[in-house]
C-alpha cells in the first residue's frame, strides 16, 4: 500500500485537531473516562467499508499524439500542385482521401512503416504486409483470399488494390505508386497545415500536423510523487462543465523535466539545480519543481466531449483498503504528547475515549481508517456540532 505520502495529505486536518482538541487522557491509555463535561456534539457511526485515498491534480484534456508526445507529421511523396487539403480539426480515417495533388487522391492507410517506394507484384516487406492488412480491413478482400500476415504482393493483393483504386476513381492498374498513399499508425485529427492550397507539392514536404483521435488527459505530476502512481491506477476526471467521468492511468513518465520559460531572449528550458529537486530559471531567477508526464485514458471517451487543451481536475486513487474501519476525520481528538483518540458514545453510560491508530485517509469524503481495542462497526462516536 502506498500510504506514507498520502497519509501526510491529512496532516493539515490533524494539525487543526491538535490545535483545537482538548482531551483529558493519559498517554497510551486504551479507554479513558471523560473527567469533565464535553461541549455538546453530533455523532457519527463507525463503519466498515472499502476506503480509497485520492490526490487531486491539474490536467489537460486533449487528443493523444504520436510517440514521445510529438504530433503525427504527414510527409508528401507526390509531385505537382496541391488541389485539395483537409481542414484543421478534420478527422481522416483508413481508406479516406487525405489530400489531392494534381487532383489525384492521396489516401490514408494504416501502418508504422512510412511509404518509401512503389509497391507492385512480387514485392515483399513490412510495407507490403501493411497494405495487405489495410485491403482486408477495408473489405476489398477477405482474410481467406488475402492473408494480412504474409509480407508478399501477389495476385490477390493486386486484385484487392484495383478495387480500392476503383473506389477512389483512379486507374485500376493494381500498383500502388509512391505518392498515392500515406501510411500512419492510426486515424488522424488534423491540427495544422504545413502546405498551401495551390502551392507546389514537394517530395519529403510535411503536409499536415495531426494527433490521433484517442482522448487523453495529460498530467504534469511532481517528480517526487512518481512512485506513488502506477499504470492501471483508477482516476476520476472532473470536466470543465463540472461533470465527472472515470479513467485509468495509461503511462507514467520516467524523465523529469522543468517547465520552459519565455523571456526577452525567447523561450528557454529551465534546468534542475545540481543536487536539488528544484528547477532554476536563469532568466527570472525563480525556482519550481520538476515534473513527469502522466497519461490518463478516459474509460468513456464520448463523455469527454470535444474539448481540446481544456483544463480538468484529476483525482488519482493512490491506495485502497477493501475492508477498513473508518470514522470521520473530525472525530479524531489529539492526545497530549502523541496519538489520537475518539469519543465513543455508550448508551446509558459515561462516554469514554478509545485510543486509535491511523491508517489511510480519504480526503475527498473526510474519512480516516482507524484501529483501536474495543472499537467496532456500528458504534457511535462524537463529532463537532455543525
Protein backbone atom coordinates (compact mmCIF):
# COMPACT_ATOMS: atom_id res chain seq x y z
CA UNK A 1 0.00 0.00 0.00
CA UNK A 2 1.40 3.41 -0.96
CA UNK A 3 0.40 5.00 2.31
CA UNK A 4 3.26 7.13 3.54
CA UNK A 5 2.94 10.00 1.09
CA UNK A 6 -0.81 10.28 1.10
CA UNK A 7 -1.32 9.91 4.87
CA UNK A 8 0.55 13.18 5.05
CA UNK A 9 -2.23 14.74 2.97
CA UNK A 10 -4.33 14.74 6.15
CA UNK A 11 -1.61 16.47 8.16
CA UNK A 12 -3.32 19.84 7.86
CA UNK A 13 -6.54 18.45 9.30
CA UNK A 14 -4.65 16.73 12.11
CA UNK A 15 -2.74 19.91 12.88
CA UNK A 16 -6.04 21.73 13.27
CA UNK A 17 -7.36 18.99 15.52
CA UNK A 18 -4.22 19.19 17.63
CA UNK A 19 -4.58 22.92 17.99
CA UNK A 20 -8.27 22.85 18.97
CA UNK A 21 -8.80 19.47 20.64
CA UNK A 22 -8.80 19.47 24.45
CA UNK A 23 -8.59 15.94 25.78
CA UNK A 24 -8.13 14.73 29.35
CA UNK A 25 -6.41 11.38 28.89
CA UNK A 26 -3.29 9.57 29.93
CA UNK A 27 -0.82 8.73 27.15
CA UNK A 28 -1.10 5.15 25.95
CA UNK A 29 -4.46 4.52 27.63
CA UNK A 30 -6.90 2.44 25.60
CA UNK A 31 -10.04 3.60 27.49
CA UNK A 32 -10.19 6.82 29.48
CA UNK A 33 -13.28 8.17 31.20
CA UNK A 34 -14.01 11.83 30.47
CA UNK A 35 -13.26 13.77 33.63
CA UNK A 36 -15.31 16.80 32.66
CA UNK A 37 -18.39 17.54 30.65
CA UNK A 38 -17.57 17.96 26.97
CA UNK A 39 -19.22 20.50 24.65
CA UNK A 40 -22.35 19.09 23.02
CA UNK A 41 -21.73 17.46 19.66
CA UNK A 42 -23.26 15.33 16.94
CA UNK A 43 -22.49 11.67 16.46
CA UNK A 44 -21.34 9.57 13.54
CA UNK A 45 -21.43 5.82 13.03
CA UNK A 46 -18.22 3.79 12.92
CA UNK A 47 -18.33 1.95 9.59
CA UNK A 48 -16.54 -0.96 7.96
CA UNK A 49 -16.21 -0.30 4.25
CA UNK A 50 -13.85 -0.01 1.33
CA UNK A 51 -11.68 3.08 1.65
CA UNK A 52 -9.64 4.75 -1.05
CA UNK A 53 -7.10 7.54 -0.86
CA UNK A 54 -7.11 10.12 -3.63
CA UNK A 55 -4.96 13.08 -4.60
CA UNK A 56 -6.29 15.83 -6.86
CA UNK A 57 -4.02 17.30 -9.54
CA UNK A 58 -4.44 19.58 -12.54
CA UNK A 59 -4.55 18.03 -16.01
CA UNK A 60 -5.15 18.93 -19.65
CA UNK A 61 -7.79 17.15 -21.72
CA UNK A 62 -6.59 16.69 -25.29
CA UNK A 63 -6.00 14.13 -28.03
CA UNK A 64 -3.14 11.63 -27.88
CA UNK A 65 -0.23 12.47 -30.15
CA UNK A 66 2.47 10.23 -31.54
CA UNK A 67 5.32 8.51 -29.68
CA UNK A 68 7.06 10.86 -27.28
CA UNK A 69 4.17 13.32 -27.48
CA UNK A 70 5.19 14.62 -30.92
CA UNK A 71 2.43 15.23 -33.48
CA UNK A 72 1.96 12.92 -36.46
CA UNK A 73 3.51 14.59 -39.49
CA UNK A 74 2.17 13.67 -42.95
CA UNK A 75 5.04 13.56 -45.46
CA UNK A 76 4.20 14.06 -49.13
CA UNK A 77 5.81 11.85 -51.81
CA UNK A 78 3.89 13.17 -54.85
CA UNK A 79 4.89 15.95 -57.26
CA UNK A 80 2.61 18.64 -58.64
CA UNK A 81 0.20 21.16 -57.13
CA UNK A 82 -1.91 20.82 -54.00
CA UNK A 83 -5.52 20.91 -55.27
CA UNK A 84 -7.26 19.79 -52.07
CA UNK A 85 -6.21 19.93 -48.43
CA UNK A 86 -8.00 18.92 -45.22
CA UNK A 87 -9.30 21.47 -42.74
CA UNK A 88 -7.98 21.87 -39.21
CA UNK A 89 -9.99 19.63 -36.90
CA UNK A 90 -10.96 17.24 -39.71
CA UNK A 91 -10.64 13.52 -38.97
CA UNK A 92 -9.26 11.26 -41.71
CA UNK A 93 -9.67 7.51 -41.30
CA UNK A 94 -8.28 4.40 -43.02
CA UNK A 95 -9.03 4.38 -46.76
CA UNK A 96 -10.14 8.02 -46.90
CA UNK A 97 -8.56 10.75 -49.04
CA UNK A 98 -6.15 12.87 -47.01
CA UNK A 99 -5.35 15.43 -49.72
CA UNK A 100 -5.02 15.71 -53.51
CA UNK A 101 -2.10 16.57 -55.78
CA UNK A 102 -2.97 17.47 -59.40
CA UNK A 103 -6.50 16.32 -58.43
CA UNK A 104 -5.22 12.79 -57.75
CA UNK A 105 -6.10 11.45 -54.29
CA UNK A 106 -3.55 10.61 -51.63
CA UNK A 107 -5.20 8.00 -49.43
CA UNK A 108 -4.53 7.32 -45.72
CA UNK A 109 -3.57 3.72 -44.94
CA UNK A 110 -2.65 2.33 -41.54
CA UNK A 111 0.88 1.20 -40.79
CA UNK A 112 4.01 2.18 -38.90
CA UNK A 113 6.35 1.81 -41.91
CA UNK A 114 6.18 5.01 -44.00
CA UNK A 115 5.69 4.93 -47.76
CA UNK A 116 9.09 4.97 -49.45
CA UNK A 117 8.69 3.03 -52.72
CA UNK A 118 6.21 1.89 -55.36
CA UNK A 119 4.54 -1.42 -54.45
CA UNK A 120 3.75 -3.91 -57.22
CA UNK A 121 3.56 -7.66 -57.91
CA UNK A 122 6.44 -9.61 -56.39
CA UNK A 123 7.33 -7.02 -53.72
CA UNK A 124 7.94 -8.18 -50.16
CA UNK A 125 8.48 -6.34 -46.90
CA UNK A 126 6.79 -4.71 -43.94
CA UNK A 127 5.09 -2.10 -46.12
CA UNK A 128 3.51 -4.86 -48.23
CA UNK A 129 2.20 -6.53 -45.07
CA UNK A 130 0.65 -3.19 -44.07
CA UNK A 131 -1.00 -2.85 -47.49
CA UNK A 132 -2.41 -6.40 -47.31
CA UNK A 133 -3.82 -5.74 -43.84
CA UNK A 134 -5.39 -2.46 -45.00
CA UNK A 135 -7.06 -4.07 -48.01
CA UNK A 136 -8.61 -6.76 -45.81
CA UNK A 137 -9.69 -4.25 -43.15
CA UNK A 138 -11.32 -2.07 -45.83
CA UNK A 139 -13.27 -5.05 -47.18
CA UNK A 140 -11.62 -5.29 -50.59
CA UNK A 141 -10.58 -8.87 -49.83
CA UNK A 142 -11.38 -11.47 -47.20
CA UNK A 143 -8.74 -12.88 -44.91
CA UNK A 144 -9.20 -16.18 -46.76
CA UNK A 145 -8.45 -14.50 -50.09
CA UNK A 146 -5.64 -12.33 -48.79
CA UNK A 147 -3.97 -13.11 -45.52
CA UNK A 148 -2.80 -9.88 -43.89
CA UNK A 149 0.14 -11.69 -42.32
CA UNK A 150 2.41 -12.60 -45.28
CA UNK A 151 4.53 -9.71 -46.49
CA UNK A 152 4.12 -10.65 -50.16
CA UNK A 153 2.47 -8.74 -53.02
CA UNK A 154 0.70 -11.41 -55.05
CA UNK A 155 -2.26 -11.56 -57.42
CA UNK A 156 -4.72 -11.30 -54.52
CA UNK A 157 -3.07 -8.04 -53.42
CA UNK A 158 -3.29 -6.67 -56.96
CA UNK A 159 -6.98 -7.59 -57.30
CA UNK A 160 -7.91 -6.02 -53.97
CA UNK A 161 -5.85 -2.90 -54.74
CA UNK A 162 -7.71 -2.48 -58.03
CA UNK A 163 -10.98 -2.37 -56.07
CA UNK A 164 -9.60 0.36 -53.81
CA UNK A 165 -8.39 2.32 -56.83
CA UNK A 166 -11.83 1.98 -58.40
CA UNK A 167 -13.48 3.35 -55.26
CA UNK A 168 -11.14 6.36 -55.49
CA UNK A 169 -11.87 6.87 -59.23
CA UNK A 170 -8.25 6.11 -60.04
CA UNK A 171 -6.74 3.97 -62.81
CA UNK A 172 -7.17 0.35 -61.70
CA UNK A 173 -3.68 -0.92 -62.51
CA UNK A 174 -3.11 -2.90 -59.30
CA UNK A 175 0.10 -1.00 -58.48
CA UNK A 176 0.47 1.43 -55.57
CA UNK A 177 2.69 4.18 -56.92
CA UNK A 178 4.84 6.10 -54.43
CA UNK A 179 2.89 9.24 -53.53
CA UNK A 180 -0.58 7.68 -53.85
CA UNK A 181 -0.80 6.72 -50.17
CA UNK A 182 0.43 7.80 -46.77
CA UNK A 183 0.93 5.22 -44.00
CA UNK A 184 0.21 6.33 -40.42
CA UNK A 185 -0.43 4.15 -37.34
CA UNK A 186 -3.93 5.49 -36.71
CA UNK A 187 -6.71 7.79 -37.85
CA UNK A 188 -5.58 11.41 -37.96
CA UNK A 189 -7.15 14.50 -36.49
CA UNK A 190 -5.62 17.42 -38.37
CA UNK A 191 -4.33 20.23 -36.17
CA UNK A 192 -2.27 22.40 -38.53
CA UNK A 193 -1.45 22.58 -42.23
CA UNK A 194 2.13 22.91 -43.46
CA UNK A 195 1.15 23.09 -47.14
CA UNK A 196 -0.84 25.71 -49.00
CA UNK A 197 -3.69 25.11 -51.43
CA UNK A 198 -2.35 25.79 -54.91
CA UNK A 199 1.20 25.51 -53.67
CA UNK A 200 3.87 23.29 -55.16
CA UNK A 201 3.93 19.75 -53.77
CA UNK A 202 7.50 18.80 -52.99
CA UNK A 203 8.75 15.30 -52.20
CA UNK A 204 9.57 14.98 -48.48
CA UNK A 205 7.48 18.02 -47.57
CA UNK A 206 5.27 17.98 -44.47
CA UNK A 207 1.63 18.49 -45.41
CA UNK A 208 -0.17 18.29 -42.07
CA UNK A 209 0.46 18.02 -38.36
CA UNK A 210 -2.06 15.83 -36.57
CA UNK A 211 -2.99 13.93 -33.45
CA UNK A 212 -4.77 10.62 -33.11
CA UNK A 213 -8.49 10.53 -32.32
CA UNK A 214 -7.80 8.92 -28.92
CA UNK A 215 -8.84 11.08 -25.99
CA UNK A 216 -6.24 11.58 -23.30
CA UNK A 217 -5.60 13.65 -20.20
CA UNK A 218 -2.03 14.73 -19.57
CA UNK A 219 -0.89 15.49 -16.03
CA UNK A 220 2.36 17.23 -15.07
CA UNK A 221 2.95 15.39 -11.80
CA UNK A 222 5.54 16.40 -9.22
CA UNK A 223 8.50 14.13 -9.94
CA UNK A 224 8.80 13.24 -6.26
CA UNK A 225 5.39 11.55 -6.49
CA UNK A 226 6.36 9.23 -9.37
CA UNK A 227 6.49 6.11 -7.19
CA UNK A 228 3.03 6.84 -5.77
CA UNK A 229 1.23 6.29 -9.09
CA UNK A 230 1.28 3.37 -11.49
CA UNK A 231 -0.19 2.29 -14.81
CA UNK A 232 -3.64 0.88 -14.13
CA UNK A 233 -4.47 3.20 -11.21
CA UNK A 234 -8.06 4.41 -11.38
CA UNK A 235 -8.83 8.12 -11.58
CA UNK A 236 -11.81 10.44 -11.62
CA UNK A 237 -11.76 13.25 -14.20
CA UNK A 238 -13.68 16.45 -13.47
CA UNK A 239 -14.50 18.11 -16.79
CA UNK A 240 -14.84 21.86 -17.49
CA UNK A 241 -18.64 21.56 -17.03
CA UNK A 242 -18.07 20.01 -13.55
CA UNK A 243 -19.28 16.59 -14.72
CA UNK A 244 -17.10 13.64 -13.71
CA UNK A 245 -16.05 10.58 -15.68
CA UNK A 246 -13.72 7.69 -14.79
CA UNK A 247 -10.33 6.97 -16.29
CA UNK A 248 -7.19 4.88 -15.91
CA UNK A 249 -3.52 5.87 -15.83
CA UNK A 250 -2.05 4.60 -19.11
CA UNK A 251 1.53 5.88 -18.86
CA UNK A 252 3.90 7.25 -16.24
CA UNK A 253 6.89 9.26 -17.45
CA UNK A 254 10.39 8.35 -16.35
CA UNK A 255 12.16 11.59 -17.28
CA UNK A 256 11.71 14.62 -15.03
CA UNK A 257 11.62 17.94 -16.84
CA UNK A 258 11.48 21.56 -15.83
CA UNK A 259 8.89 23.98 -17.25
CA UNK A 260 10.02 26.22 -20.08
CA UNK A 261 10.02 29.97 -19.68
CA UNK A 262 9.82 32.87 -22.08
CA UNK A 263 11.93 35.90 -21.50
CA UNK A 264 13.30 38.79 -23.58
CA UNK A 265 15.57 36.34 -25.36
CA UNK A 266 12.71 33.95 -26.27
CA UNK A 267 11.62 30.61 -24.88
CA UNK A 268 14.13 28.72 -22.81
CA UNK A 269 14.16 25.47 -20.84
CA UNK A 270 14.79 25.55 -17.14
CA UNK A 271 17.11 23.02 -15.56
CA UNK A 272 17.17 21.17 -12.29
CA UNK A 273 19.62 22.72 -9.86
CA UNK A 274 22.51 20.26 -9.24
CA UNK A 275 22.00 18.23 -6.08
CA UNK A 276 18.44 19.51 -5.53
CA UNK A 277 14.89 18.65 -6.53
CA UNK A 278 14.07 22.14 -7.81
CA UNK A 279 14.28 23.84 -11.19
CA UNK A 280 16.11 27.12 -11.61
CA UNK A 281 15.44 29.74 -14.24
CA UNK A 282 18.40 31.77 -15.41
CA UNK A 283 16.14 34.43 -16.94
CA UNK A 284 13.88 35.11 -13.95
CA UNK A 285 15.86 33.72 -11.05
CA UNK A 286 12.76 31.86 -9.87
CA UNK A 287 12.56 28.19 -8.96
CA UNK A 288 9.94 25.48 -9.45
CA UNK A 289 9.56 21.73 -9.10
CA UNK A 290 10.49 19.26 -11.86
CA UNK A 291 7.60 17.16 -13.16
CA UNK A 292 6.93 13.94 -15.04
CA UNK A 293 4.18 13.46 -17.61
CA UNK A 294 1.39 11.08 -16.63
CA UNK A 295 -1.08 9.97 -19.30
CA UNK A 296 -4.69 9.17 -18.40
CA UNK A 297 -7.11 7.37 -20.72
CA UNK A 298 -10.81 8.15 -20.14
CA UNK A 299 -12.89 4.98 -19.68
CA UNK A 300 -15.76 6.59 -21.61
CA UNK A 301 -14.15 8.81 -24.28
CA UNK A 302 -17.55 10.01 -25.55
CA UNK A 303 -18.27 11.52 -22.13
CA UNK A 304 -15.31 13.89 -22.53
CA UNK A 305 -16.95 15.77 -25.41
CA UNK A 306 -14.79 17.55 -27.97
CA UNK A 307 -12.78 19.85 -25.73
CA UNK A 308 -9.14 20.21 -26.69
CA UNK A 309 -6.40 21.60 -24.46
CA UNK A 310 -9.06 22.03 -21.77
CA UNK A 311 -8.13 22.25 -18.06
CA UNK A 312 -9.51 19.42 -15.92
CA UNK A 313 -9.06 18.07 -12.40
CA UNK A 314 -7.83 14.50 -11.97
CA UNK A 315 -8.44 12.61 -8.75
CA UNK A 316 -5.94 9.75 -8.63
CA UNK A 317 -6.70 6.75 -6.43
CA UNK A 318 -3.32 6.08 -4.86
CA UNK A 319 -4.23 3.33 -2.39
CA UNK A 320 -7.24 1.39 -1.17
CA UNK A 321 -8.29 -0.93 1.65
CA UNK A 322 -11.13 -3.36 0.86
CA UNK A 323 -12.44 -3.59 4.45
CA UNK A 324 -11.43 -0.72 6.71
CA UNK A 325 -12.88 0.51 9.98
CA UNK A 326 -13.50 4.21 9.32
CA UNK A 327 -14.60 7.33 11.18
CA UNK A 328 -14.86 10.97 10.10
CA UNK A 329 -11.56 12.81 10.41
CA UNK A 330 -13.34 15.35 12.60
CA UNK A 331 -13.97 12.61 15.19
CA UNK A 332 -10.24 12.46 15.98
CA UNK A 333 -9.03 14.11 19.17
CA UNK A 334 -5.34 14.74 19.76
CA UNK A 335 -3.86 13.34 22.97
CA UNK A 336 -1.32 15.35 24.95
CA UNK A 337 2.08 14.31 23.71
CA UNK A 338 1.26 11.93 20.92
CA UNK A 339 -1.53 9.91 19.33
CA UNK A 340 -5.25 10.28 18.78
CA UNK A 341 -8.47 9.09 20.38
CA UNK A 342 -12.17 9.05 19.53
CA UNK A 343 -15.01 9.63 21.98
CA UNK A 344 -17.30 6.61 21.95
CA UNK A 345 -20.92 7.12 22.97
CA UNK A 346 -22.11 4.50 25.46
CA UNK A 347 -25.89 4.22 25.85
CA UNK A 348 -26.86 4.92 29.47
CA UNK A 349 -23.22 5.16 30.47
CA UNK A 350 -20.49 7.75 30.54
CA UNK A 351 -18.81 8.32 27.19
CA UNK A 352 -15.26 7.08 27.03
CA UNK A 353 -12.18 7.69 24.89
CA UNK A 354 -10.60 4.97 22.79
CA UNK A 355 -7.01 5.33 21.57
CA UNK A 356 -6.75 4.71 17.82
CA UNK A 357 -4.00 4.17 15.28
CA UNK A 358 -4.48 5.94 11.95
CA UNK A 359 -4.30 4.33 8.54
CA UNK A 360 -5.46 5.53 5.13
CA UNK A 361 -7.02 8.97 4.66
CA UNK A 362 -9.82 9.68 2.17
CA UNK A 363 -9.57 13.45 1.85
CA UNK A 364 -12.46 13.57 -0.64
CA UNK A 365 -15.01 12.15 1.86
CA UNK A 366 -13.24 13.30 5.02
CA UNK A 367 -12.76 9.77 6.38
CA UNK A 368 -9.82 8.00 8.01
CA UNK A 369 -9.03 4.34 8.67
CA UNK A 370 -8.64 3.59 12.40
CA UNK A 371 -7.85 0.61 14.60
CA UNK A 372 -8.38 0.53 18.34
CA UNK A 373 -9.12 -2.01 21.05
CA UNK A 374 -12.84 -2.15 21.72
CA UNK A 375 -13.75 -0.05 18.67
CA UNK A 376 -16.22 -1.76 16.32
CA UNK A 377 -18.51 -1.04 13.41
CA UNK A 378 -21.91 0.26 14.48
CA UNK A 379 -20.67 2.24 17.47
CA UNK A 380 -21.34 5.97 17.67
CA UNK A 381 -18.51 8.50 18.02
CA UNK A 382 -18.78 12.19 18.79
CA UNK A 383 -18.09 14.72 16.04
CA UNK A 384 -18.20 18.53 16.33
CA UNK A 385 -21.66 20.14 16.25
CA UNK A 386 -22.46 21.92 12.99
